[in-house]
Amino acid sequence: MRRRSSVMIGRDACLSTLVQHFERLGAGCPRFLLIRGEAGIGKSRLLREFTEAVARHEVILLKGDCLSLRLFGGPFAPLIHALRNPVVRVARASLRATLADELRTLSQAISSLGAREPAAQKASASQIAEQVLSTLVRVSEHTPVVLAIEDIHWADAATRELIQFLHHNLQRSPVLLLLTDRTDEPAPPGGARPPRRRTRPRRRRDPRTGKPRGR
């Protein structure tokens, strides 16, 4: 059985860098960070240590996991997972409840997209992106927001497009988007491959003539 260490080794500098980016959100500029590497190097541990550190401050913490695609087959799966369980650290209880309710309402709106026909999903995806953007901007007026999505290499196409949209359109809001990515990109449990760019297969050639063989 594989054991997990309770001590994070060799990650102090990385953790310090992440925390510094969080602290600089006060300047009103969004941050986009990627933790990337092979399986087993400690990406999940680093992310967990970081979220535990920022949770000691006033913050809205949203954590999504792309493995939830196995449980929910629609678009924006990791975002829905994050919005359903927001961690809202603000002093005022009334504001804390208001912000959490707004995020959960957004989660419900996105969830309804999965029940629509494909054509309707495509048309609604842009509306969802605008709604996510406006919600993040609005709630971050009260306290910084950290949106952390783990295993982005397994994300659905809609989630990847949304991340690009946020990257281009978040301007002066204190929002930190943190992603983890595996460079080896293995197949997830169950054998399903993550969405990825498709390439044309190489056709076999006849060794005598050098011409492509038929299928």
N, C-alpha and C. Protein backbone atom coordinates (compact mmCIF):
# COMPACT_ATOMS: atom_id res chain seq x y z
N MET A 1 0.85 -1.19 0.00
CA MET A 1 0.00 0.00 0.00
C MET A 1 0.88 1.24 0.00
N ARG A 2 0.52 2.20 -0.83
CA ARG A 2 1.31 3.42 -0.93
C ARG A 2 0.95 4.36 0.23
N ARG A 3 1.98 4.84 0.95
CA ARG A 3 1.75 5.73 2.07
C ARG A 3 2.05 7.16 1.67
N ARG A 4 1.25 8.07 2.23
CA ARG A 4 1.47 9.49 1.99
C ARG A 4 2.20 10.10 3.17
N SER A 5 3.23 10.84 2.86
CA SER A 5 3.98 11.49 3.91
C SER A 5 3.17 12.65 4.48
N SER A 6 3.30 12.88 5.78
CA SER A 6 2.63 14.01 6.41
C SER A 6 3.48 15.26 6.36
N VAL A 7 4.67 15.15 5.81
CA VAL A 7 5.58 16.28 5.71
C VAL A 7 5.90 16.55 4.24
N MET A 8 5.78 17.80 3.84
CA MET A 8 6.08 18.17 2.47
C MET A 8 7.58 18.46 2.36
N ILE A 9 8.28 17.70 1.53
CA ILE A 9 9.73 17.81 1.44
C ILE A 9 10.12 18.55 0.16
N GLY A 10 11.01 19.55 0.30
CA GLY A 10 11.54 20.24 -0.86
C GLY A 10 10.56 21.14 -1.56
N ARG A 11 9.49 21.54 -0.88
CA ARG A 11 8.48 22.36 -1.52
C ARG A 11 8.33 23.71 -0.85
N ASP A 12 9.16 24.02 0.11
CA ASP A 12 9.02 25.28 0.85
C ASP A 12 9.11 26.49 -0.08
N ALA A 13 10.07 26.46 -1.00
CA ALA A 13 10.24 27.60 -1.91
C ALA A 13 9.04 27.75 -2.82
N CYS A 14 8.53 26.61 -3.31
CA CYS A 14 7.35 26.66 -4.19
C CYS A 14 6.13 27.17 -3.44
N LEU A 15 5.95 26.69 -2.22
CA LEU A 15 4.81 27.14 -1.41
C LEU A 15 4.93 28.62 -1.12
N SER A 16 6.12 29.07 -0.79
CA SER A 16 6.34 30.49 -0.51
C SER A 16 6.00 31.35 -1.73
N THR A 17 6.36 30.87 -2.92
CA THR A 17 6.06 31.61 -4.15
C THR A 17 4.55 31.72 -4.36
N LEU A 18 3.83 30.62 -4.15
CA LEU A 18 2.38 30.64 -4.31
C LEU A 18 1.73 31.61 -3.32
N VAL A 19 2.17 31.57 -2.08
CA VAL A 19 1.60 32.46 -1.06
C VAL A 19 1.88 33.92 -1.40
N GLN A 20 3.07 34.19 -1.93
CA GLN A 20 3.39 35.56 -2.32
C GLN A 20 2.46 36.05 -3.43
N HIS A 21 2.15 35.19 -4.38
CA HIS A 21 1.20 35.58 -5.42
C HIS A 21 -0.17 35.87 -4.83
N PHE A 22 -0.58 35.08 -3.86
CA PHE A 22 -1.86 35.33 -3.20
C PHE A 22 -1.84 36.68 -2.49
N GLU A 23 -0.79 36.97 -1.78
CA GLU A 23 -0.69 38.23 -1.03
C GLU A 23 -0.69 39.44 -1.96
N ARG A 24 -0.23 39.26 -3.18
CA ARG A 24 -0.19 40.38 -4.12
C ARG A 24 -1.53 40.63 -4.80
N LEU A 25 -2.52 39.79 -4.51
CA LEU A 25 -3.85 40.02 -5.07
C LEU A 25 -4.43 41.34 -4.57
N GLY A 26 -3.93 41.80 -3.44
CA GLY A 26 -4.42 43.06 -2.89
C GLY A 26 -4.20 44.23 -3.82
N ALA A 27 -3.27 44.10 -4.75
CA ALA A 27 -3.00 45.16 -5.72
C ALA A 27 -4.09 45.24 -6.79
N GLY A 28 -5.00 44.27 -6.79
CA GLY A 28 -6.12 44.31 -7.74
C GLY A 28 -5.83 43.69 -9.08
N CYS A 29 -4.78 42.88 -9.18
CA CYS A 29 -4.44 42.23 -10.44
C CYS A 29 -4.64 40.72 -10.33
N PRO A 30 -5.32 40.11 -11.28
CA PRO A 30 -5.50 38.66 -11.24
C PRO A 30 -4.18 37.92 -11.46
N ARG A 31 -4.13 36.68 -11.00
CA ARG A 31 -2.94 35.85 -11.15
C ARG A 31 -3.36 34.51 -11.75
N PHE A 32 -2.52 34.00 -12.66
CA PHE A 32 -2.79 32.71 -13.30
C PHE A 32 -1.54 31.85 -13.15
N LEU A 33 -1.66 30.75 -12.39
CA LEU A 33 -0.51 29.93 -12.07
C LEU A 33 -0.77 28.48 -12.46
N LEU A 34 0.29 27.80 -12.92
CA LEU A 34 0.21 26.40 -13.32
C LEU A 34 1.27 25.60 -12.59
N ILE A 35 0.86 24.55 -11.86
CA ILE A 35 1.77 23.60 -11.24
C ILE A 35 1.82 22.39 -12.16
N ARG A 36 2.95 22.14 -12.78
CA ARG A 36 3.02 21.14 -13.84
C ARG A 36 4.17 20.17 -13.59
N GLY A 37 3.93 18.89 -13.85
CA GLY A 37 4.99 17.90 -13.69
C GLY A 37 4.44 16.49 -13.78
N GLU A 38 5.33 15.53 -13.66
CA GLU A 38 4.94 14.13 -13.75
C GLU A 38 4.17 13.69 -12.51
N ALA A 39 3.52 12.56 -12.62
CA ALA A 39 2.77 12.02 -11.50
C ALA A 39 3.70 11.71 -10.34
N GLY A 40 3.26 12.01 -9.13
CA GLY A 40 4.01 11.64 -7.94
C GLY A 40 5.04 12.63 -7.46
N ILE A 41 5.18 13.79 -8.12
CA ILE A 41 6.20 14.74 -7.67
C ILE A 41 5.71 15.65 -6.55
N GLY A 42 4.40 15.59 -6.25
CA GLY A 42 3.90 16.37 -5.12
C GLY A 42 3.02 17.54 -5.48
N LYS A 43 2.41 17.53 -6.65
CA LYS A 43 1.55 18.64 -7.06
C LYS A 43 0.33 18.77 -6.14
N SER A 44 -0.30 17.63 -5.87
CA SER A 44 -1.49 17.66 -5.02
C SER A 44 -1.15 18.11 -3.60
N ARG A 45 -0.03 17.63 -3.09
CA ARG A 45 0.40 18.03 -1.75
C ARG A 45 0.68 19.54 -1.70
N LEU A 46 1.36 20.05 -2.72
CA LEU A 46 1.65 21.48 -2.77
C LEU A 46 0.36 22.29 -2.82
N LEU A 47 -0.58 21.85 -3.63
CA LEU A 47 -1.86 22.55 -3.72
C LEU A 47 -2.59 22.52 -2.38
N ARG A 48 -2.58 21.38 -1.71
CA ARG A 48 -3.25 21.27 -0.43
C ARG A 48 -2.59 22.16 0.61
N GLU A 49 -1.26 22.19 0.65
CA GLU A 49 -0.56 23.05 1.59
C GLU A 49 -0.87 24.52 1.33
N PHE A 50 -0.97 24.87 0.06
CA PHE A 50 -1.26 26.27 -0.30
C PHE A 50 -2.67 26.66 0.13
N THR A 51 -3.66 25.81 -0.17
CA THR A 51 -5.04 26.16 0.19
C THR A 51 -5.21 26.22 1.71
N GLU A 52 -4.49 25.37 2.43
CA GLU A 52 -4.56 25.43 3.89
C GLU A 52 -3.95 26.74 4.39
N ALA A 53 -2.90 27.21 3.72
CA ALA A 53 -2.25 28.46 4.13
C ALA A 53 -3.15 29.67 3.88
N VAL A 54 -3.77 29.73 2.70
CA VAL A 54 -4.58 30.91 2.38
C VAL A 54 -5.90 30.89 3.13
N ALA A 55 -6.35 29.71 3.57
CA ALA A 55 -7.61 29.63 4.32
C ALA A 55 -7.51 30.31 5.68
N ARG A 56 -6.31 30.66 6.10
CA ARG A 56 -6.13 31.39 7.36
C ARG A 56 -6.43 32.87 7.18
N HIS A 57 -6.58 33.31 5.93
CA HIS A 57 -6.88 34.71 5.63
C HIS A 57 -8.34 34.84 5.20
N GLU A 58 -8.78 36.08 5.02
CA GLU A 58 -10.10 36.29 4.43
C GLU A 58 -9.98 35.97 2.94
N VAL A 59 -10.78 35.04 2.48
CA VAL A 59 -10.65 34.55 1.12
C VAL A 59 -11.89 33.76 0.74
N ILE A 60 -12.16 33.68 -0.53
CA ILE A 60 -13.13 32.73 -1.07
C ILE A 60 -12.33 31.67 -1.80
N LEU A 61 -12.41 30.44 -1.33
CA LEU A 61 -11.62 29.34 -1.87
C LEU A 61 -12.53 28.36 -2.59
N LEU A 62 -12.27 28.16 -3.88
CA LEU A 62 -13.04 27.25 -4.72
C LEU A 62 -12.11 26.18 -5.26
N LYS A 63 -12.38 24.92 -4.93
CA LYS A 63 -11.51 23.83 -5.35
C LYS A 63 -12.30 22.83 -6.19
N GLY A 64 -11.80 22.57 -7.38
CA GLY A 64 -12.42 21.59 -8.26
C GLY A 64 -11.44 20.52 -8.68
N ASP A 65 -11.96 19.33 -8.97
CA ASP A 65 -11.12 18.20 -9.35
C ASP A 65 -11.68 17.61 -10.63
N CYS A 66 -10.85 17.53 -11.66
CA CYS A 66 -11.33 17.04 -12.95
C CYS A 66 -11.68 15.56 -12.94
N LEU A 67 -11.29 14.83 -11.90
CA LEU A 67 -11.72 13.44 -11.80
C LEU A 67 -13.21 13.33 -11.57
N SER A 68 -13.86 14.43 -11.18
CA SER A 68 -15.31 14.40 -11.01
C SER A 68 -16.02 14.19 -12.34
N LEU A 69 -15.27 14.25 -13.44
CA LEU A 69 -15.85 13.92 -14.75
C LEU A 69 -16.42 12.51 -14.75
N ARG A 70 -15.86 11.64 -13.92
CA ARG A 70 -16.38 10.26 -13.87
C ARG A 70 -17.77 10.21 -13.27
N LEU A 71 -18.10 11.23 -12.47
CA LEU A 71 -19.40 11.25 -11.80
C LEU A 71 -20.40 12.14 -12.53
N PHE A 72 -19.90 13.12 -13.25
CA PHE A 72 -20.78 14.06 -13.95
C PHE A 72 -20.25 14.21 -15.37
N GLY A 73 -21.06 13.81 -16.34
CA GLY A 73 -20.56 13.75 -17.70
C GLY A 73 -20.74 15.01 -18.51
N GLY A 74 -21.29 16.05 -17.92
CA GLY A 74 -21.56 17.27 -18.67
C GLY A 74 -20.39 18.23 -18.67
N PRO A 75 -20.58 19.39 -19.30
CA PRO A 75 -19.52 20.40 -19.35
C PRO A 75 -19.32 21.09 -18.00
N PHE A 76 -18.15 21.67 -17.84
CA PHE A 76 -17.78 22.47 -16.66
C PHE A 76 -17.77 21.65 -15.36
N ALA A 77 -17.53 20.34 -15.46
CA ALA A 77 -17.62 19.47 -14.28
C ALA A 77 -16.77 19.95 -13.10
N PRO A 78 -15.48 20.26 -13.28
CA PRO A 78 -14.69 20.68 -12.11
C PRO A 78 -15.14 22.01 -11.52
N LEU A 79 -15.66 22.90 -12.37
CA LEU A 79 -16.15 24.18 -11.87
C LEU A 79 -17.40 23.98 -11.02
N ILE A 80 -18.29 23.11 -11.47
CA ILE A 80 -19.50 22.81 -10.68
C ILE A 80 -19.11 22.23 -9.33
N HIS A 81 -18.13 21.34 -9.35
CA HIS A 81 -17.64 20.75 -8.10
C HIS A 81 -17.11 21.82 -7.16
N ALA A 82 -16.41 22.80 -7.70
CA ALA A 82 -15.83 23.87 -6.88
C ALA A 82 -16.91 24.79 -6.31
N LEU A 83 -17.88 25.15 -7.12
CA LEU A 83 -18.89 26.11 -6.70
C LEU A 83 -19.89 25.52 -5.70
N ARG A 84 -20.05 24.21 -5.75
CA ARG A 84 -21.00 23.58 -4.82
C ARG A 84 -20.47 23.58 -3.38
N ASN A 85 -19.16 23.68 -3.23
CA ASN A 85 -18.56 23.58 -1.90
C ASN A 85 -17.60 24.75 -1.65
N PRO A 86 -18.09 25.98 -1.70
CA PRO A 86 -17.19 27.12 -1.52
C PRO A 86 -16.75 27.25 -0.05
N VAL A 87 -15.50 27.62 0.12
CA VAL A 87 -15.00 27.97 1.45
C VAL A 87 -14.92 29.49 1.50
N VAL A 88 -15.78 30.11 2.29
CA VAL A 88 -15.86 31.57 2.35
C VAL A 88 -15.37 32.02 3.72
N ARG A 89 -14.23 32.68 3.73
CA ARG A 89 -13.64 33.17 4.97
C ARG A 89 -13.78 34.70 5.00
N VAL A 90 -14.86 35.18 5.57
CA VAL A 90 -15.04 36.61 5.81
C VAL A 90 -15.60 36.78 7.21
N ALA A 91 -15.35 37.95 7.81
CA ALA A 91 -15.72 38.15 9.21
C ALA A 91 -17.23 38.23 9.40
N ARG A 92 -17.92 38.92 8.51
CA ARG A 92 -19.36 39.12 8.68
C ARG A 92 -20.13 37.87 8.27
N ALA A 93 -20.91 37.33 9.19
CA ALA A 93 -21.66 36.10 8.91
C ALA A 93 -22.68 36.30 7.81
N SER A 94 -23.34 37.47 7.79
CA SER A 94 -24.36 37.72 6.77
C SER A 94 -23.74 37.78 5.38
N LEU A 95 -22.59 38.41 5.27
CA LEU A 95 -21.90 38.48 3.97
C LEU A 95 -21.40 37.10 3.57
N ARG A 96 -20.91 36.34 4.53
CA ARG A 96 -20.43 34.99 4.26
C ARG A 96 -21.54 34.14 3.64
N ALA A 97 -22.72 34.21 4.20
CA ALA A 97 -23.85 33.44 3.69
C ALA A 97 -24.28 33.92 2.32
N THR A 98 -24.27 35.23 2.11
CA THR A 98 -24.68 35.80 0.82
C THR A 98 -23.75 35.36 -0.30
N LEU A 99 -22.45 35.42 -0.04
CA LEU A 99 -21.48 35.04 -1.05
C LEU A 99 -21.57 33.55 -1.37
N ALA A 100 -21.72 32.72 -0.34
CA ALA A 100 -21.82 31.28 -0.56
C ALA A 100 -23.07 30.94 -1.36
N ASP A 101 -24.19 31.61 -1.07
CA ASP A 101 -25.43 31.36 -1.80
C ASP A 101 -25.29 31.76 -3.26
N GLU A 102 -24.61 32.86 -3.53
CA GLU A 102 -24.44 33.31 -4.91
C GLU A 102 -23.60 32.30 -5.71
N LEU A 103 -22.58 31.75 -5.09
CA LEU A 103 -21.74 30.77 -5.77
C LEU A 103 -22.49 29.47 -6.02
N ARG A 104 -23.27 29.03 -5.06
CA ARG A 104 -24.05 27.80 -5.23
C ARG A 104 -25.14 27.98 -6.29
N THR A 105 -25.71 29.17 -6.36
CA THR A 105 -26.71 29.45 -7.40
C THR A 105 -26.08 29.36 -8.78
N LEU A 106 -24.87 29.86 -8.91
CA LEU A 106 -24.16 29.75 -10.19
C LEU A 106 -23.90 28.29 -10.53
N SER A 107 -23.56 27.49 -9.53
CA SER A 107 -23.34 26.06 -9.76
C SER A 107 -24.60 25.40 -10.32
N GLN A 108 -25.75 25.74 -9.77
CA GLN A 108 -27.01 25.16 -10.24
C GLN A 108 -27.31 25.58 -11.67
N ALA A 109 -27.00 26.83 -11.99
CA ALA A 109 -27.24 27.32 -13.35
C ALA A 109 -26.37 26.58 -14.36
N ILE A 110 -25.13 26.31 -14.00
CA ILE A 110 -24.22 25.60 -14.90
C ILE A 110 -24.64 24.14 -15.02
N SER A 111 -25.08 23.54 -13.93
CA SER A 111 -25.51 22.13 -13.96
C SER A 111 -26.65 21.91 -14.93
N SER A 112 -27.55 22.87 -15.03
CA SER A 112 -28.70 22.72 -15.92
C SER A 112 -28.29 22.68 -17.38
N LEU A 113 -27.08 23.15 -17.67
CA LEU A 113 -26.61 23.14 -19.06
C LEU A 113 -26.44 21.72 -19.58
N GLY A 114 -26.04 20.80 -18.71
CA GLY A 114 -25.78 19.43 -19.14
C GLY A 114 -27.01 18.70 -19.61
N ALA A 115 -28.21 19.16 -19.21
CA ALA A 115 -29.44 18.49 -19.60
C ALA A 115 -29.96 18.96 -20.95
N ARG A 116 -29.33 19.94 -21.55
CA ARG A 116 -29.82 20.49 -22.80
C ARG A 116 -29.25 19.74 -24.00
N GLU A 117 -29.86 19.99 -25.15
CA GLU A 117 -29.37 19.41 -26.39
C GLU A 117 -28.01 20.00 -26.73
N PRO A 118 -27.17 19.25 -27.49
CA PRO A 118 -25.82 19.75 -27.81
C PRO A 118 -25.80 21.15 -28.42
N ALA A 119 -26.73 21.42 -29.34
CA ALA A 119 -26.76 22.75 -29.97
C ALA A 119 -27.04 23.83 -28.94
N ALA A 120 -27.97 23.54 -28.03
CA ALA A 120 -28.29 24.50 -26.99
C ALA A 120 -27.13 24.66 -26.01
N GLN A 121 -26.40 23.57 -25.76
CA GLN A 121 -25.24 23.64 -24.88
C GLN A 121 -24.20 24.60 -25.43
N LYS A 122 -23.95 24.51 -26.74
CA LYS A 122 -22.94 25.36 -27.35
C LYS A 122 -23.33 26.83 -27.26
N ALA A 123 -24.61 27.10 -27.49
CA ALA A 123 -25.08 28.48 -27.43
C ALA A 123 -25.02 29.02 -26.00
N SER A 124 -25.30 28.15 -25.02
CA SER A 124 -25.34 28.58 -23.63
C SER A 124 -23.96 28.67 -23.00
N ALA A 125 -22.97 27.99 -23.56
CA ALA A 125 -21.64 27.97 -22.97
C ALA A 125 -21.05 29.38 -22.87
N SER A 126 -21.27 30.19 -23.90
CA SER A 126 -20.75 31.55 -23.87
C SER A 126 -21.45 32.38 -22.80
N GLN A 127 -22.75 32.13 -22.61
CA GLN A 127 -23.48 32.82 -21.56
C GLN A 127 -22.97 32.41 -20.18
N ILE A 128 -22.69 31.12 -20.03
CA ILE A 128 -22.14 30.64 -18.77
C ILE A 128 -20.79 31.30 -18.49
N ALA A 129 -19.95 31.39 -19.51
CA ALA A 129 -18.63 32.01 -19.33
C ALA A 129 -18.77 33.45 -18.85
N GLU A 130 -19.70 34.19 -19.44
CA GLU A 130 -19.92 35.58 -19.02
C GLU A 130 -20.44 35.63 -17.59
N GLN A 131 -21.31 34.68 -17.25
CA GLN A 131 -21.88 34.66 -15.90
C GLN A 131 -20.82 34.32 -14.86
N VAL A 132 -19.94 33.36 -15.19
CA VAL A 132 -18.84 33.01 -14.29
C VAL A 132 -17.93 34.22 -14.08
N LEU A 133 -17.59 34.88 -15.17
CA LEU A 133 -16.72 36.05 -15.09
C LEU A 133 -17.34 37.13 -14.20
N SER A 134 -18.60 37.47 -14.47
CA SER A 134 -19.24 38.54 -13.70
C SER A 134 -19.38 38.16 -12.22
N THR A 135 -19.64 36.88 -11.94
CA THR A 135 -19.76 36.45 -10.55
C THR A 135 -18.43 36.54 -9.82
N LEU A 136 -17.36 36.08 -10.46
CA LEU A 136 -16.04 36.16 -9.84
C LEU A 136 -15.64 37.61 -9.58
N VAL A 137 -15.93 38.47 -10.54
CA VAL A 137 -15.61 39.89 -10.37
C VAL A 137 -16.40 40.47 -9.20
N ARG A 138 -17.67 40.12 -9.13
CA ARG A 138 -18.55 40.69 -8.11
C ARG A 138 -18.16 40.22 -6.70
N VAL A 139 -17.96 38.93 -6.53
CA VAL A 139 -17.63 38.43 -5.17
C VAL A 139 -16.23 38.84 -4.75
N SER A 140 -15.33 39.03 -5.71
CA SER A 140 -13.96 39.42 -5.36
C SER A 140 -13.89 40.89 -4.93
N GLU A 141 -14.98 41.62 -5.07
CA GLU A 141 -15.01 42.99 -4.55
C GLU A 141 -15.02 42.99 -3.03
N HIS A 142 -15.39 41.86 -2.43
CA HIS A 142 -15.46 41.76 -0.98
C HIS A 142 -14.20 41.12 -0.38
N THR A 143 -13.63 40.16 -1.10
CA THR A 143 -12.44 39.46 -0.60
C THR A 143 -11.79 38.73 -1.77
N PRO A 144 -10.48 38.47 -1.73
CA PRO A 144 -9.82 37.76 -2.83
C PRO A 144 -10.42 36.37 -3.06
N VAL A 145 -10.34 35.92 -4.30
CA VAL A 145 -10.87 34.62 -4.70
C VAL A 145 -9.73 33.74 -5.21
N VAL A 146 -9.68 32.50 -4.74
CA VAL A 146 -8.75 31.51 -5.28
C VAL A 146 -9.58 30.39 -5.90
N LEU A 147 -9.42 30.20 -7.20
CA LEU A 147 -10.07 29.10 -7.92
C LEU A 147 -8.99 28.10 -8.30
N ALA A 148 -8.99 26.95 -7.65
CA ALA A 148 -7.97 25.92 -7.87
C ALA A 148 -8.61 24.71 -8.55
N ILE A 149 -8.08 24.31 -9.69
CA ILE A 149 -8.60 23.15 -10.42
C ILE A 149 -7.47 22.15 -10.59
N GLU A 150 -7.70 20.96 -10.07
CA GLU A 150 -6.66 19.93 -10.09
C GLU A 150 -6.85 18.99 -11.29
N ASP A 151 -5.71 18.53 -11.84
CA ASP A 151 -5.70 17.59 -12.97
C ASP A 151 -6.39 18.16 -14.20
N ILE A 152 -5.93 19.34 -14.61
CA ILE A 152 -6.57 20.03 -15.73
C ILE A 152 -6.40 19.26 -17.03
N HIS A 153 -5.44 18.32 -17.09
CA HIS A 153 -5.24 17.52 -18.30
C HIS A 153 -6.43 16.60 -18.55
N TRP A 154 -7.29 16.40 -17.55
CA TRP A 154 -8.48 15.58 -17.73
C TRP A 154 -9.75 16.43 -17.88
N ALA A 155 -9.60 17.71 -18.01
CA ALA A 155 -10.76 18.60 -18.08
C ALA A 155 -11.51 18.43 -19.40
N ASP A 156 -12.81 18.68 -19.34
CA ASP A 156 -13.61 18.68 -20.56
C ASP A 156 -13.32 19.93 -21.37
N ALA A 157 -13.71 19.92 -22.63
CA ALA A 157 -13.40 21.03 -23.54
C ALA A 157 -14.00 22.34 -23.06
N ALA A 158 -15.22 22.30 -22.52
CA ALA A 158 -15.87 23.52 -22.06
C ALA A 158 -15.09 24.17 -20.92
N THR A 159 -14.55 23.35 -20.01
CA THR A 159 -13.76 23.89 -18.90
C THR A 159 -12.49 24.54 -19.41
N ARG A 160 -11.82 23.89 -20.36
CA ARG A 160 -10.58 24.47 -20.90
C ARG A 160 -10.85 25.79 -21.61
N GLU A 161 -11.95 25.86 -22.34
CA GLU A 161 -12.30 27.11 -23.03
C GLU A 161 -12.65 28.20 -22.02
N LEU A 162 -13.31 27.81 -20.94
CA LEU A 162 -13.65 28.79 -19.91
C LEU A 162 -12.38 29.36 -19.27
N ILE A 163 -11.41 28.52 -19.00
CA ILE A 163 -10.15 28.99 -18.41
C ILE A 163 -9.47 29.99 -19.33
N GLN A 164 -9.46 29.70 -20.62
CA GLN A 164 -8.89 30.66 -21.58
C GLN A 164 -9.66 31.96 -21.58
N PHE A 165 -10.99 31.85 -21.47
CA PHE A 165 -11.83 33.05 -21.45
C PHE A 165 -11.50 33.91 -20.23
N LEU A 166 -11.38 33.27 -19.07
CA LEU A 166 -11.06 34.02 -17.86
C LEU A 166 -9.67 34.65 -17.95
N HIS A 167 -8.74 33.92 -18.53
CA HIS A 167 -7.38 34.43 -18.68
C HIS A 167 -7.36 35.71 -19.50
N HIS A 168 -8.20 35.77 -20.51
CA HIS A 168 -8.21 36.94 -21.39
C HIS A 168 -9.08 38.07 -20.88
N ASN A 169 -10.04 37.78 -20.00
CA ASN A 169 -11.03 38.78 -19.65
C ASN A 169 -11.01 39.26 -18.21
N LEU A 170 -10.37 38.53 -17.30
CA LEU A 170 -10.21 39.05 -15.95
C LEU A 170 -9.19 40.18 -16.00
N GLN A 171 -9.56 41.35 -15.55
CA GLN A 171 -8.70 42.51 -15.70
C GLN A 171 -8.07 42.96 -14.38
N ARG A 172 -8.87 43.54 -13.49
CA ARG A 172 -8.32 44.14 -12.28
C ARG A 172 -8.91 43.53 -11.01
N SER A 173 -9.43 42.35 -11.10
CA SER A 173 -10.05 41.72 -9.94
C SER A 173 -9.05 40.84 -9.20
N PRO A 174 -9.11 40.80 -7.87
CA PRO A 174 -8.20 39.96 -7.09
C PRO A 174 -8.61 38.49 -7.13
N VAL A 175 -8.36 37.85 -8.26
CA VAL A 175 -8.71 36.45 -8.47
C VAL A 175 -7.44 35.69 -8.85
N LEU A 176 -7.18 34.59 -8.15
CA LEU A 176 -6.04 33.74 -8.46
C LEU A 176 -6.58 32.42 -9.01
N LEU A 177 -6.20 32.11 -10.24
CA LEU A 177 -6.58 30.84 -10.86
C LEU A 177 -5.36 29.93 -10.84
N LEU A 178 -5.48 28.81 -10.13
CA LEU A 178 -4.36 27.89 -9.95
C LEU A 178 -4.74 26.52 -10.50
N LEU A 179 -3.91 25.99 -11.39
CA LEU A 179 -4.17 24.71 -12.05
C LEU A 179 -3.03 23.74 -11.79
N THR A 180 -3.35 22.45 -11.75
CA THR A 180 -2.30 21.43 -11.75
C THR A 180 -2.45 20.60 -13.02
N ASP A 181 -1.31 20.18 -13.56
CA ASP A 181 -1.29 19.48 -14.84
C ASP A 181 -0.22 18.39 -14.81
N ARG A 182 -0.54 17.23 -15.34
CA ARG A 182 0.42 16.12 -15.43
C ARG A 182 1.02 16.08 -16.82
N THR A 183 2.35 16.09 -16.86
CA THR A 183 3.02 16.08 -18.16
C THR A 183 2.95 14.73 -18.83
N ASP A 184 2.84 13.63 -18.03
CA ASP A 184 2.79 12.31 -18.65
C ASP A 184 1.39 11.96 -19.13
N GLU A 185 0.37 12.64 -18.63
CA GLU A 185 -1.01 12.52 -19.11
C GLU A 185 -1.50 11.08 -19.24
N PRO A 186 -1.54 10.33 -18.16
CA PRO A 186 -2.02 8.94 -18.25
C PRO A 186 -3.53 8.89 -18.38
N ALA A 187 -4.03 7.73 -18.77
CA ALA A 187 -5.48 7.56 -18.84
C ALA A 187 -6.05 7.52 -17.43
N PRO A 188 -7.18 8.19 -17.19
CA PRO A 188 -7.80 8.15 -15.87
C PRO A 188 -8.39 6.79 -15.57
N PRO A 189 -8.73 6.49 -14.31
CA PRO A 189 -9.34 5.20 -13.96
C PRO A 189 -10.58 4.95 -14.80
N GLY A 190 -10.74 3.74 -15.27
CA GLY A 190 -11.87 3.42 -16.13
C GLY A 190 -11.49 3.37 -17.58
N GLY A 191 -10.27 3.87 -17.91
CA GLY A 191 -9.77 3.75 -19.27
C GLY A 191 -10.11 4.89 -20.20
N ALA A 192 -10.95 5.83 -19.77
CA ALA A 192 -11.32 6.93 -20.66
C ALA A 192 -10.16 7.90 -20.78
N ARG A 193 -9.86 8.33 -21.99
CA ARG A 193 -8.80 9.28 -22.19
C ARG A 193 -9.32 10.69 -22.03
N PRO A 194 -8.50 11.63 -21.59
CA PRO A 194 -8.94 13.01 -21.48
C PRO A 194 -9.10 13.63 -22.86
N PRO A 195 -9.96 14.65 -22.99
CA PRO A 195 -10.06 15.34 -24.26
C PRO A 195 -8.71 15.93 -24.64
N ARG A 196 -8.30 15.76 -25.86
CA ARG A 196 -7.02 16.30 -26.27
C ARG A 196 -7.04 16.54 -27.78
N ARG A 197 -6.04 17.27 -28.24
CA ARG A 197 -5.94 17.55 -29.67
C ARG A 197 -5.73 16.25 -30.42
N ARG A 198 -6.49 16.05 -31.46
CA ARG A 198 -6.39 14.82 -32.22
C ARG A 198 -5.49 15.02 -33.43
N THR A 199 -4.71 14.02 -33.76
CA THR A 199 -3.85 14.07 -34.92
C THR A 199 -4.22 12.93 -35.85
N ARG A 200 -3.93 13.08 -37.12
CA ARG A 200 -4.23 12.04 -38.09
C ARG A 200 -3.27 10.87 -37.92
N PRO A 201 -3.78 9.65 -37.92
CA PRO A 201 -2.89 8.49 -37.78
C PRO A 201 -1.99 8.34 -39.00
N ARG A 202 -0.79 7.86 -38.76
CA ARG A 202 0.14 7.63 -39.86
C ARG A 202 -0.21 6.34 -40.57
N ARG A 203 -0.36 6.42 -41.90
CA ARG A 203 -0.71 5.24 -42.67
C ARG A 203 0.52 4.38 -42.91
N ARG A 204 0.34 3.07 -42.83
CA ARG A 204 1.45 2.15 -43.08
C ARG A 204 1.78 2.12 -44.57
N ARG A 205 3.07 1.95 -44.88
CA ARG A 205 3.53 1.94 -46.26
C ARG A 205 3.99 0.55 -46.67
N ASP A 206 3.81 0.25 -47.92
CA ASP A 206 4.27 -1.01 -48.47
C ASP A 206 5.79 -0.97 -48.52
N PRO A 207 6.50 -1.94 -47.90
CA PRO A 207 7.95 -1.90 -47.86
C PRO A 207 8.59 -2.06 -49.23
N ARG A 208 7.85 -2.60 -50.23
CA ARG A 208 8.43 -2.79 -51.58
C ARG A 208 8.31 -1.56 -52.44
N THR A 209 7.14 -0.91 -52.36
CA THR A 209 6.92 0.24 -53.24
C THR A 209 7.06 1.58 -52.52
N GLY A 210 6.95 1.56 -51.19
CA GLY A 210 7.01 2.81 -50.44
C GLY A 210 5.70 3.59 -50.47
N LYS A 211 4.67 3.05 -51.10
CA LYS A 211 3.38 3.73 -51.20
C LYS A 211 2.50 3.35 -50.02
N PRO A 212 1.60 4.28 -49.60
CA PRO A 212 0.70 3.97 -48.48
C PRO A 212 -0.20 2.78 -48.81
N ARG A 213 -0.39 1.92 -47.81
CA ARG A 213 -1.28 0.80 -47.99
C ARG A 213 -2.72 1.25 -47.75
N GLY A 214 -3.64 0.52 -48.33
CA GLY A 214 -5.05 0.81 -48.08
C GLY A 214 -5.42 0.37 -46.70
N ARG A 215 -6.61 0.83 -46.26
CA ARG A 215 -7.08 0.49 -44.92
C ARG A 215 -7.51 -0.96 -44.85
